[in-house]
């Protein structure tokens, strides 16, 4: 798959997983519309060859410590930044389950 088609396919898959619709890039400028139109989320999708190892490690640590129905989430705080602006990272299948209001999530 060409790199151009790969990111488009990723956007389509995310849209399907979350019950949204991919917004084509044509005629769109930064901030005009999200990558995925959704009734309650503004979804921006980034397709990269690699995800930082430290981030994957942090998520693995959260997953290892999750017991029962606990949701593994990584909170990223920038030194000196406002806590309200921290980032939350979780797996797509967990976000899909939250959005759908159910357990389970996105098929592999």
C-alpha atoms as a PDB file:
ATOM      1  CA  UNK A   1       0.000   0.000   0.000  1.00  0.00           C
ATOM      2  CA  UNK A   2       1.378   3.423  -0.882  1.00  0.00           C
ATOM      3  CA  UNK A   3       2.103   5.811   2.005  1.00  0.00           C
ATOM      4  CA  UNK A   4      -0.721   8.081   0.794  1.00  0.00           C
ATOM      5  CA  UNK A   5      -3.217   5.239   0.849  1.00  0.00           C
ATOM      6  CA  UNK A   6      -1.971   3.957   4.221  1.00  0.00           C
ATOM      7  CA  UNK A   7      -2.886   7.095   6.177  1.00  0.00           C
ATOM      8  CA  UNK A   8      -6.238   7.343   4.420  1.00  0.00           C
ATOM      9  CA  UNK A   9      -6.956   3.714   5.297  1.00  0.00           C
ATOM     10  CA  UNK A  10      -6.013   4.434   8.908  1.00  0.00           C
ATOM     11  CA  UNK A  11      -8.420   7.384   9.017  1.00  0.00           C
ATOM     12  CA  UNK A  12     -11.198   5.211   7.564  1.00  0.00           C
ATOM     13  CA  UNK A  13     -10.538   2.446  10.109  1.00  0.00           C
ATOM     14  CA  UNK A  14     -10.581   4.898  13.025  1.00  0.00           C
ATOM     15  CA  UNK A  15     -13.813   6.442  11.721  1.00  0.00           C
ATOM     16  CA  UNK A  16     -15.434   3.016  11.466  1.00  0.00           C
ATOM     17  CA  UNK A  17     -14.237   1.999  14.938  1.00  0.00           C
ATOM     18  CA  UNK A  18     -15.680   5.103  16.557  1.00  0.00           C
ATOM     19  CA  UNK A  19     -18.865   5.464  14.543  1.00  0.00           C
ATOM     20  CA  UNK A  20     -17.699   8.487  12.575  1.00  0.00           C
ATOM     21  CA  UNK A  21     -16.963   9.346   8.962  1.00  0.00           C
ATOM     22  CA  UNK A  22     -13.644  10.245   7.360  1.00  0.00           C
ATOM     23  CA  UNK A  23     -13.500  13.848   6.162  1.00  0.00           C
ATOM     24  CA  UNK A  24     -11.641  14.149   2.826  1.00  0.00           C
ATOM     25  CA  UNK A  25      -8.675  16.525   2.794  1.00  0.00           C
ATOM     26  CA  UNK A  26      -9.746  18.268  -0.422  1.00  0.00           C
ATOM     27  CA  UNK A  27     -10.237  21.982   0.164  1.00  0.00           C
ATOM     28  CA  UNK A  28      -9.687  21.654   3.904  1.00  0.00           C
ATOM     29  CA  UNK A  29      -7.254  23.835   5.855  1.00  0.00           C
ATOM     30  CA  UNK A  30      -5.679  23.135   9.250  1.00  0.00           C
ATOM     31  CA  UNK A  31      -8.352  23.582  11.894  1.00  0.00           C
ATOM     32  CA  UNK A  32     -11.289  23.692   9.448  1.00  0.00           C
ATOM     33  CA  UNK A  33     -12.483  20.180  10.247  1.00  0.00           C
ATOM     34  CA  UNK A  34     -11.167  17.097  12.017  1.00  0.00           C
ATOM     35  CA  UNK A  35      -9.946  14.016  10.127  1.00  0.00           C
ATOM     36  CA  UNK A  36     -13.035  12.154  11.311  1.00  0.00           C
ATOM     37  CA  UNK A  37     -16.484  13.682  11.679  1.00  0.00           C
ATOM     38  CA  UNK A  38     -18.144  12.416  14.849  1.00  0.00           C
ATOM     39  CA  UNK A  39     -21.095  13.670  16.910  1.00  0.00           C
ATOM     40  CA  UNK A  40     -19.104  14.109  20.159  1.00  0.00           C
ATOM     41  CA  UNK A  41     -15.367  13.883  19.298  1.00  0.00           C
ATOM     42  CA  UNK A  42     -13.006  15.997  17.189  1.00  0.00           C
ATOM     43  CA  UNK A  43     -10.705  13.245  15.920  1.00  0.00           C
ATOM     44  CA  UNK A  44      -7.272  13.951  14.463  1.00  0.00           C
ATOM     45  CA  UNK A  45      -5.474  10.828  13.196  1.00  0.00           C
ATOM     46  CA  UNK A  46      -1.695  10.544  12.906  1.00  0.00           C
ATOM     47  CA  UNK A  47      -0.205   7.623  10.978  1.00  0.00           C
ATOM     48  CA  UNK A  48       3.481   7.062  11.769  1.00  0.00           C
ATOM     49  CA  UNK A  49       6.026   4.324  11.102  1.00  0.00           C
ATOM     50  CA  UNK A  50       7.016   4.266  14.771  1.00  0.00           C
ATOM     51  CA  UNK A  51       5.467   5.199  18.079  1.00  0.00           C
ATOM     52  CA  UNK A  52       7.984   6.289  20.735  1.00  0.00           C
ATOM     53  CA  UNK A  53       9.200   3.269  22.713  1.00  0.00           C
ATOM     54  CA  UNK A  54       8.803   5.122  26.029  1.00  0.00           C
ATOM     55  CA  UNK A  55       5.114   5.673  25.264  1.00  0.00           C
ATOM     56  CA  UNK A  56       4.523   2.029  24.381  1.00  0.00           C
ATOM     57  CA  UNK A  57       6.375   1.044  27.559  1.00  0.00           C
ATOM     58  CA  UNK A  58       4.219   3.369  29.658  1.00  0.00           C
ATOM     59  CA  UNK A  59       1.047   1.878  28.154  1.00  0.00           C
ATOM     60  CA  UNK A  60       2.341  -1.653  28.753  1.00  0.00           C
ATOM     61  CA  UNK A  61       2.953  -0.689  32.383  1.00  0.00           C
ATOM     62  CA  UNK A  62      -0.607   0.656  32.703  1.00  0.00           C
ATOM     63  CA  UNK A  63      -1.987  -2.515  31.086  1.00  0.00           C
ATOM     64  CA  UNK A  64       0.051  -4.771  33.384  1.00  0.00           C
ATOM     65  CA  UNK A  65      -1.323  -3.029  36.459  1.00  0.00           C
ATOM     66  CA  UNK A  66      -4.958  -2.885  35.271  1.00  0.00           C
ATOM     67  CA  UNK A  67      -7.094  -5.268  37.321  1.00  0.00           C
ATOM     68  CA  UNK A  68     -10.647  -6.328  36.613  1.00  0.00           C
ATOM     69  CA  UNK A  69     -12.437  -3.832  34.432  1.00  0.00           C
ATOM     70  CA  UNK A  70      -9.917  -1.010  35.022  1.00  0.00           C
ATOM     71  CA  UNK A  71      -9.060   0.991  31.920  1.00  0.00           C
ATOM     72  CA  UNK A  72      -5.323   1.355  31.191  1.00  0.00           C
ATOM     73  CA  UNK A  73      -4.505   5.003  30.472  1.00  0.00           C
ATOM     74  CA  UNK A  74      -1.224   6.919  30.282  1.00  0.00           C
ATOM     75  CA  UNK A  75      -1.264  10.569  31.347  1.00  0.00           C
ATOM     76  CA  UNK A  76       1.494  12.720  29.836  1.00  0.00           C
ATOM     77  CA  UNK A  77       2.324  15.897  31.686  1.00  0.00           C
ATOM     78  CA  UNK A  78       4.656  18.586  30.328  1.00  0.00           C
ATOM     79  CA  UNK A  79       6.915  20.008  33.028  1.00  0.00           C
ATOM     80  CA  UNK A  80       5.616  23.440  33.922  1.00  0.00           C
ATOM     81  CA  UNK A  81       2.381  22.872  32.033  1.00  0.00           C
ATOM     82  CA  UNK A  82      -1.146  23.077  33.385  1.00  0.00           C
ATOM     83  CA  UNK A  83      -2.466  19.739  34.624  1.00  0.00           C
ATOM     84  CA  UNK A  84      -5.726  20.385  32.780  1.00  0.00           C
ATOM     85  CA  UNK A  85      -3.718  20.338  29.525  1.00  0.00           C
ATOM     86  CA  UNK A  86      -2.149  16.911  30.169  1.00  0.00           C
ATOM     87  CA  UNK A  87      -2.614  14.306  27.457  1.00  0.00           C
ATOM     88  CA  UNK A  88      -4.394  10.991  27.947  1.00  0.00           C
ATOM     89  CA  UNK A  89      -3.327   8.003  25.851  1.00  0.00           C
ATOM     90  CA  UNK A  90      -5.360   4.818  25.594  1.00  0.00           C
ATOM     91  CA  UNK A  91      -5.883   2.080  23.039  1.00  0.00           C
ATOM     92  CA  UNK A  92      -8.418   2.637  20.273  1.00  0.00           C
ATOM     93  CA  UNK A  93     -10.484  -0.395  21.269  1.00  0.00           C
ATOM     94  CA  UNK A  94     -10.820   1.028  24.781  1.00  0.00           C
ATOM     95  CA  UNK A  95     -11.872   4.439  23.459  1.00  0.00           C
ATOM     96  CA  UNK A  96     -14.386   2.782  21.116  1.00  0.00           C
ATOM     97  CA  UNK A  97     -15.862   0.892  24.059  1.00  0.00           C
ATOM     98  CA  UNK A  98     -16.124   4.128  26.072  1.00  0.00           C
ATOM     99  CA  UNK A  99     -17.804   5.932  23.180  1.00  0.00           C
ATOM    100  CA  UNK A 100     -20.212   3.034  22.666  1.00  0.00           C
ATOM    101  CA  UNK A 101     -20.824   2.816  26.409  1.00  0.00           C
ATOM    102  CA  UNK A 102     -19.929  -0.854  26.552  1.00  0.00           C
ATOM    103  CA  UNK A 103     -17.192  -3.370  27.257  1.00  0.00           C
ATOM    104  CA  UNK A 104     -15.176  -4.742  24.371  1.00  0.00           C
ATOM    105  CA  UNK A 105     -14.175  -2.620  21.449  1.00  0.00           C
ATOM    106  CA  UNK A 106     -12.594  -2.709  18.045  1.00  0.00           C
ATOM    107  CA  UNK A 107     -11.711  -5.970  16.331  1.00  0.00           C
ATOM    108  CA  UNK A 108      -8.019  -6.357  15.489  1.00  0.00           C
END
